């Protein structure tokens, strides 16, 4: 059976499932249209949202695969990174993911959906990983299996993947299917993306890094198909918070891999649900930033930015930094920022401290 017919069968939905998927697609596409208007205004807060999303994406995607660095540790590492000093595997994975993601966000329009570009992206992803140098950018030569890593350290085998000698042929067929669908536009772009990611993970073409690369390719495909809002909020973070559901949705189809009863409706609905959650998170974040824009003057924003950078601060520390303003004026600003719910006040008297309220 060729891949086109194979994918058609996998994408067969019952009428009830089809209705649910149609509703999900409608919600996402409506948000996409509304977001374009916001993006067109070129708000200065979009840059900040993207920076936050990038850190979250790197942290979440590497933690899904077993890394342990927090978002704060990821941010600190990227600020002071010395490539030659990346000793731990976690650090190597974080910097590799960062470099690959930045290339996608900056150059997505120029990245062709071809085998050689997938190899290049895989090479960048594993560029700093000492143990992966021999096989980066090359299809696997040993059998592998999909294993779920859980926080308590346990692992669970999900399914057996494509054998190495069959991998190049299956990947070429998948890439050809992808480009044909995108050219013909005979399937909704989000269904094309979700189906491609499912099949990529089922083949598991590389010895290592398949999960991380699948999430990078998700961002690439969404950006290329004009779902550019995903750069401002972390899709990887949504998946991390639903990790069990992520594996369960994949397993639902992959347990029947290679059989005529293999269906991917559970995965499609999970994928779209994650995108809906992502749009809700982005809407809430942007509303918060818009509120800051309308209610804060330049001085109040400077106070907030100082505390955000320091995590916590006292009046004296703020006064030392913002010397052009009087202590009484700054105190009034702090009262206002606490009242607006943007700062949290702790302590009493000289021990009073102000914190950013998440």
Protein backbone atom coordinates (compact mmCIF):
# COMPACT_ATOMS: atom_id res chain seq x y z
CA UNK A 1 0.00 0.00 0.00
CA UNK A 2 1.49 3.40 -0.96
CA UNK A 3 1.76 6.13 1.66
CA UNK A 4 -1.05 8.29 0.17
CA UNK A 5 -3.62 5.50 0.51
CA UNK A 6 -2.14 4.53 3.86
CA UNK A 7 -2.55 8.07 5.21
CA UNK A 8 -6.07 8.34 3.82
CA UNK A 9 -7.06 5.27 5.85
CA UNK A 10 -5.38 6.60 9.00
CA UNK A 11 -7.26 9.87 8.57
CA UNK A 12 -10.70 8.27 8.25
CA UNK A 13 -12.97 9.72 10.94
CA UNK A 14 -16.43 8.84 12.17
CA UNK A 15 -19.06 11.57 11.68
CA UNK A 16 -18.91 12.48 15.40
CA UNK A 17 -15.12 12.78 15.37
CA UNK A 18 -15.24 14.75 12.12
CA UNK A 19 -17.62 17.27 13.72
CA UNK A 20 -15.35 17.65 16.75
CA UNK A 21 -12.28 18.15 14.57
CA UNK A 22 -14.13 20.68 12.39
CA UNK A 23 -15.07 22.67 15.50
CA UNK A 24 -11.48 22.59 16.77
CA UNK A 25 -10.14 23.79 13.41
CA UNK A 26 -12.69 26.61 13.37
CA UNK A 27 -11.62 27.84 16.83
CA UNK A 28 -7.93 27.86 15.87
CA UNK A 29 -8.46 29.52 12.49
CA UNK A 30 -10.68 32.22 14.03
CA UNK A 31 -7.93 33.01 16.53
CA UNK A 32 -5.37 33.03 13.71
CA UNK A 33 -7.35 35.69 11.88
CA UNK A 34 -7.78 37.83 14.98
CA UNK A 35 -4.11 37.50 15.91
CA UNK A 36 -2.97 38.77 12.52
CA UNK A 37 -4.59 42.12 13.33
CA UNK A 38 -2.66 42.27 16.63
CA UNK A 39 0.60 41.27 14.97
CA UNK A 40 0.04 43.92 12.32
CA UNK A 41 0.17 46.59 15.03
CA UNK A 42 3.77 45.52 15.76
CA UNK A 43 3.31 45.81 19.51
CA UNK A 44 6.56 46.21 21.40
CA UNK A 45 5.40 43.42 23.71
CA UNK A 46 5.52 40.75 20.99
CA UNK A 47 9.31 40.64 21.23
CA UNK A 48 9.09 40.01 24.96
CA UNK A 49 6.42 37.32 24.50
CA UNK A 50 8.59 35.56 21.93
CA UNK A 51 11.61 35.63 24.22
CA UNK A 52 9.60 34.07 27.08
CA UNK A 53 8.08 31.46 24.74
CA UNK A 54 11.51 30.49 23.38
CA UNK A 55 12.86 29.81 26.88
CA UNK A 56 9.75 27.80 27.79
CA UNK A 57 9.93 25.80 24.55
CA UNK A 58 13.57 24.84 25.06
CA UNK A 59 13.02 23.88 28.70
CA UNK A 60 9.85 21.89 28.08
CA UNK A 61 11.00 20.03 24.96
CA UNK A 62 14.23 18.85 26.59
CA UNK A 63 12.47 17.93 29.87
CA UNK A 64 9.93 15.79 27.98
CA UNK A 65 12.91 13.66 26.92
CA UNK A 66 14.35 13.42 30.45
CA UNK A 67 16.41 16.60 30.94
CA UNK A 68 16.10 18.33 34.32
CA UNK A 69 16.96 22.02 33.78
CA UNK A 70 14.24 24.47 34.85
CA UNK A 71 13.23 27.42 32.65
CA UNK A 72 15.21 29.72 34.96
CA UNK A 73 18.32 27.53 34.58
CA UNK A 74 17.82 27.44 30.80
CA UNK A 75 17.62 31.24 30.65
CA UNK A 76 20.71 31.62 32.82
CA UNK A 77 22.66 29.13 30.70
CA UNK A 78 21.78 30.87 27.43
CA UNK A 79 22.80 34.26 28.83
CA UNK A 80 26.26 33.10 29.87
CA UNK A 81 26.84 30.17 27.53
CA UNK A 82 30.38 29.24 26.61
CA UNK A 83 30.08 26.50 24.02
CA UNK A 84 33.35 24.86 25.00
CA UNK A 85 32.17 24.53 28.59
CA UNK A 86 28.99 22.57 27.97
CA UNK A 87 29.83 19.63 30.20
CA UNK A 88 26.46 18.10 31.07
CA UNK A 89 24.20 16.40 28.54
CA UNK A 90 21.30 18.63 29.66
CA UNK A 91 23.30 21.76 28.81
CA UNK A 92 24.34 20.32 25.43
CA UNK A 93 20.71 19.50 24.56
CA UNK A 94 19.44 22.91 25.64
CA UNK A 95 21.93 24.88 23.52
CA UNK A 96 21.36 22.60 20.50
CA UNK A 97 17.59 23.05 20.75
CA UNK A 98 17.99 26.82 21.13
CA UNK A 99 20.15 27.11 18.00
CA UNK A 100 17.80 24.94 15.91
CA UNK A 101 14.69 26.82 17.10
CA UNK A 102 16.24 30.22 16.39
CA UNK A 103 17.04 29.16 12.81
CA UNK A 104 13.43 28.04 12.33
CA UNK A 105 11.93 31.24 13.76
CA UNK A 106 14.26 33.47 11.75
CA UNK A 107 14.49 31.55 8.46
CA UNK A 108 11.38 29.30 8.24
CA UNK A 109 10.41 30.72 4.82
CA UNK A 110 13.76 29.66 3.34
CA UNK A 111 13.84 26.12 4.78
CA UNK A 112 12.69 23.62 2.16
CA UNK A 113 10.83 20.53 3.33
CA UNK A 114 13.46 18.18 1.99
CA UNK A 115 15.43 15.25 3.38
CA UNK A 116 18.73 17.14 3.40
CA UNK A 117 17.24 19.97 5.47
CA UNK A 118 15.87 17.51 8.02
CA UNK A 119 19.37 16.03 8.31
CA UNK A 120 20.82 19.54 8.74
CA UNK A 121 18.30 20.40 11.46
CA UNK A 122 19.05 17.13 13.25
CA UNK A 123 22.76 17.93 13.04
CA UNK A 124 22.21 21.37 14.60
CA UNK A 125 20.01 19.87 17.33
CA UNK A 126 22.76 17.42 18.36
CA UNK A 127 25.68 19.71 17.49
CA UNK A 128 26.94 20.00 21.07
CA UNK A 129 25.99 16.51 22.29
CA UNK A 130 29.26 14.61 22.73
CA UNK A 131 27.72 11.14 22.58
CA UNK A 132 25.74 11.83 19.38
CA UNK A 133 28.50 13.05 17.07
CA UNK A 134 28.81 9.79 15.14
CA UNK A 135 25.14 9.62 14.09
CA UNK A 136 23.92 13.24 14.00
CA UNK A 137 22.36 14.21 10.68
CA UNK A 138 22.11 10.57 9.57
CA UNK A 139 19.28 8.06 9.65
CA UNK A 140 19.56 5.34 12.29
CA UNK A 141 21.56 2.17 11.68
CA UNK A 142 20.32 0.33 14.77
CA UNK A 143 16.76 -0.64 15.72
CA UNK A 144 15.18 1.71 18.25
CA UNK A 145 11.91 1.92 20.14
CA UNK A 146 9.79 4.70 21.56
CA UNK A 147 10.14 4.95 25.33
CA UNK A 148 8.14 7.25 27.61
CA UNK A 149 10.24 8.80 30.42
CA UNK A 150 8.32 9.64 33.60
CA UNK A 151 9.28 12.03 36.43
CA UNK A 152 9.87 9.17 38.89
CA UNK A 153 12.58 7.78 36.60
CA UNK A 154 10.54 4.89 35.21
CA UNK A 155 10.28 4.14 31.50
CA UNK A 156 7.63 2.48 29.38
CA UNK A 157 8.05 1.10 25.87
CA UNK A 158 5.32 2.46 23.61
CA UNK A 159 5.93 0.64 20.34
CA UNK A 160 8.56 -0.73 17.97
CA UNK A 161 9.57 1.66 15.19
CA UNK A 162 10.55 1.26 11.53
CA UNK A 163 13.61 -0.93 10.98
CA UNK A 164 16.79 0.91 9.85
CA UNK A 165 16.92 -0.59 6.34
CA UNK A 166 13.33 0.58 5.65
CA UNK A 167 13.74 4.05 7.17
CA UNK A 168 15.16 6.00 4.17
CA UNK A 169 12.36 4.78 1.88
CA UNK A 170 9.59 5.53 4.40
CA UNK A 171 10.98 9.01 5.11
CA UNK A 172 11.22 9.87 1.41
CA UNK A 173 7.64 8.71 0.95
CA UNK A 174 6.49 10.80 3.93
CA UNK A 175 8.27 13.95 2.73
CA UNK A 176 6.84 13.46 -0.76
CA UNK A 177 3.33 13.06 0.74
CA UNK A 178 3.82 16.23 2.81
CA UNK A 179 4.91 18.39 -0.11
CA UNK A 180 2.17 17.00 -2.36
CA UNK A 181 -0.53 17.82 0.22
CA UNK A 182 0.85 21.31 0.77
CA UNK A 183 0.95 21.94 -2.98
CA UNK A 184 -2.52 20.56 -3.71
CA UNK A 185 -4.07 22.01 -0.54
CA UNK A 186 -6.51 19.10 -0.45
CA UNK A 187 -6.24 18.68 3.33
CA UNK A 188 -6.42 21.29 6.09
CA UNK A 189 -2.88 22.51 6.91
CA UNK A 190 -3.24 21.60 10.60
CA UNK A 191 -4.27 18.05 9.69
CA UNK A 192 -1.26 17.82 7.36
CA UNK A 193 1.03 18.96 10.18
CA UNK A 194 -0.44 16.63 12.81
CA UNK A 195 -0.38 13.63 10.45
CA UNK A 196 3.22 14.32 9.42
CA UNK A 197 4.37 14.57 13.05
CA UNK A 198 2.58 11.32 13.95
CA UNK A 199 4.16 9.46 11.03
CA UNK A 200 7.61 10.96 11.71
CA UNK A 201 7.44 9.74 15.32
CA UNK A 202 6.20 6.34 14.16
CA UNK A 203 9.17 5.91 11.82
CA UNK A 204 11.56 7.37 14.43
CA UNK A 205 14.18 7.90 11.73
CA UNK A 206 17.17 8.96 13.83
CA UNK A 207 19.06 7.12 16.54
CA UNK A 208 18.29 9.88 19.04
CA UNK A 209 16.60 13.28 19.14
CA UNK A 210 13.40 12.25 17.32
CA UNK A 211 11.01 13.70 19.92
CA UNK A 212 12.79 17.05 20.05
CA UNK A 213 13.12 17.22 16.27
CA UNK A 214 9.41 16.42 15.83
CA UNK A 215 8.52 19.45 17.96
CA UNK A 216 10.92 21.67 16.02
CA UNK A 217 9.36 20.44 12.77
CA UNK A 218 5.92 21.21 14.21
CA UNK A 219 7.00 24.83 14.69
CA UNK A 220 8.52 24.92 11.20
CA UNK A 221 5.38 23.57 9.52
CA UNK A 222 3.05 25.86 11.47
CA UNK A 223 5.17 28.92 10.69
CA UNK A 224 5.36 28.02 6.99
CA UNK A 225 1.57 27.63 6.88
CA UNK A 226 1.02 31.07 8.39
CA UNK A 227 0.22 30.01 11.97
CA UNK A 228 2.86 32.46 13.12
CA UNK A 229 1.28 33.06 16.51
CA UNK A 230 3.00 29.90 17.79
CA UNK A 231 6.28 31.81 18.14
CA UNK A 232 4.77 33.90 20.95
CA UNK A 233 3.68 31.08 23.24
CA UNK A 234 5.24 27.68 23.83
CA UNK A 235 3.59 24.68 22.16
CA UNK A 236 6.22 22.46 23.80
CA UNK A 237 5.16 23.75 27.22
CA UNK A 238 1.53 22.81 26.56
CA UNK A 239 2.64 19.29 25.61
CA UNK A 240 4.84 19.00 28.70
CA UNK A 241 1.90 19.81 30.97
CA UNK A 242 -0.11 17.09 29.15
CA UNK A 243 2.69 14.58 28.78
CA UNK A 244 0.62 11.52 29.70
CA UNK A 245 -2.08 12.53 27.23
CA UNK A 246 0.61 13.10 24.59
CA UNK A 247 1.91 9.54 24.87
CA UNK A 248 -1.58 8.10 25.22
CA UNK A 249 -2.79 9.78 22.02
CA UNK A 250 0.23 8.50 20.09
CA UNK A 251 -0.13 4.99 21.53
CA UNK A 252 -3.80 4.82 20.55
CA UNK A 253 -2.79 4.74 16.90
CA UNK A 254 0.68 3.25 17.12
CA UNK A 255 -0.46 0.13 18.95
CA UNK A 256 -2.00 -0.90 15.59
CA UNK A 257 0.98 0.25 13.52
CA UNK A 258 1.16 -1.51 10.18
CA UNK A 259 -2.41 -2.83 10.41
CA UNK A 260 -5.42 -1.68 8.40
CA UNK A 261 -7.19 -0.66 11.63
CA UNK A 262 -4.53 1.97 12.48
CA UNK A 263 -6.31 5.31 12.98
CA UNK A 264 -4.96 8.62 14.26
CA UNK A 265 -8.15 10.45 15.27
CA UNK A 266 -7.12 10.47 18.96
CA UNK A 267 -3.77 12.04 18.05
CA UNK A 268 -5.36 14.62 15.73
CA UNK A 269 -7.84 15.72 18.41
CA UNK A 270 -5.10 15.86 21.06
CA UNK A 271 -2.86 17.91 18.76
CA UNK A 272 -5.66 20.40 17.96
CA UNK A 273 -6.73 20.61 21.62
CA UNK A 274 -3.14 21.55 22.54
CA UNK A 275 -3.24 24.30 19.91
CA UNK A 276 -6.52 25.62 21.33
CA UNK A 277 -5.02 25.70 24.84
CA UNK A 278 -2.04 27.51 23.33
CA UNK A 279 -4.26 30.19 21.77
CA UNK A 280 -6.01 30.69 25.11
CA UNK A 281 -2.69 31.11 26.89
CA UNK A 282 -1.45 33.57 24.30
CA UNK A 283 -4.66 35.59 24.48
CA UNK A 284 -4.38 35.81 28.28
CA UNK A 285 -0.70 36.77 28.14
CA UNK A 286 -1.25 39.44 25.52
CA UNK A 287 -4.16 40.91 27.49
CA UNK A 288 -1.86 41.22 30.50
CA UNK A 289 0.79 43.00 28.43
CA UNK A 290 -1.82 45.25 26.81
CA UNK A 291 -3.05 46.20 30.26
CA UNK A 292 0.46 47.22 31.21
CA UNK A 293 0.62 49.37 28.11
CA UNK A 294 -2.56 51.27 28.93
CA UNK A 295 -2.26 51.76 32.70
CA UNK A 296 1.47 52.35 33.25
CA UNK A 297 3.46 55.46 32.56
CA UNK A 298 7.17 55.35 31.70
CA UNK A 299 8.31 55.68 35.33
CA UNK A 300 5.99 52.93 36.57
CA UNK A 301 7.14 50.65 33.76
CA UNK A 302 10.76 51.32 34.75
CA UNK A 303 9.96 50.30 38.35
CA UNK A 304 8.28 47.13 37.15
CA UNK A 305 11.14 46.26 34.78
CA UNK A 306 13.71 46.72 37.57
CA UNK A 307 11.83 44.41 39.94
CA UNK A 308 11.26 41.88 37.18
CA UNK A 309 14.98 41.72 36.47
CA UNK A 310 15.88 41.41 40.17
CA UNK A 311 12.93 39.08 41.01
CA UNK A 312 12.46 41.08 44.25
CA UNK A 313 13.45 44.55 45.50
CA UNK A 314 13.08 47.08 48.32
CA UNK A 315 12.27 50.79 48.01
CA UNK A 316 15.89 51.80 48.66
CA UNK A 317 17.20 49.54 45.89
CA UNK A 318 14.66 50.93 43.44
CA UNK A 319 15.53 54.51 44.46
CA UNK A 320 19.25 53.85 43.92
CA UNK A 321 18.55 52.63 40.40
CA UNK A 322 15.98 55.30 39.44
CA UNK A 323 17.69 58.35 40.95
CA UNK A 324 15.84 60.90 38.83
CA UNK A 325 12.63 60.23 40.80
CA UNK A 326 11.90 61.08 44.42
CA UNK A 327 11.47 58.32 47.02
CA UNK A 328 7.90 59.48 47.74
CA UNK A 329 6.94 59.31 44.06
CA UNK A 330 8.36 55.78 43.80
CA UNK A 331 6.47 54.74 46.94
CA UNK A 332 3.21 55.95 45.36
CA UNK A 333 4.05 53.99 42.21
CA UNK A 334 4.63 50.84 44.28
CA UNK A 335 1.28 51.28 46.05
CA UNK A 336 -0.40 51.64 42.65
CA UNK A 337 1.35 48.59 41.17
CA UNK A 338 0.36 46.46 44.16
CA UNK A 339 -3.24 47.70 43.91
CA UNK A 340 -3.31 46.82 40.18
CA UNK A 341 -2.18 43.30 41.00
CA UNK A 342 1.14 43.61 39.17
CA UNK A 343 3.32 43.45 42.29
CA UNK A 344 3.16 41.45 45.50
CA UNK A 345 4.18 43.15 48.77
CA UNK A 346 5.68 41.12 51.62
CA UNK A 347 7.13 42.01 55.01
CA UNK A 348 6.65 45.06 57.22
CA UNK A 349 8.50 48.29 57.99
CA UNK A 350 12.08 48.26 56.72
CA UNK A 351 11.66 44.63 55.71
CA UNK A 352 9.07 45.36 53.02
CA UNK A 353 9.92 43.77 49.68
CA UNK A 354 8.16 43.87 46.32
CA UNK A 355 7.89 40.89 43.95
CA UNK A 356 6.55 40.39 40.43
CA UNK A 357 3.13 38.77 40.65
CA UNK A 358 2.91 35.92 38.15
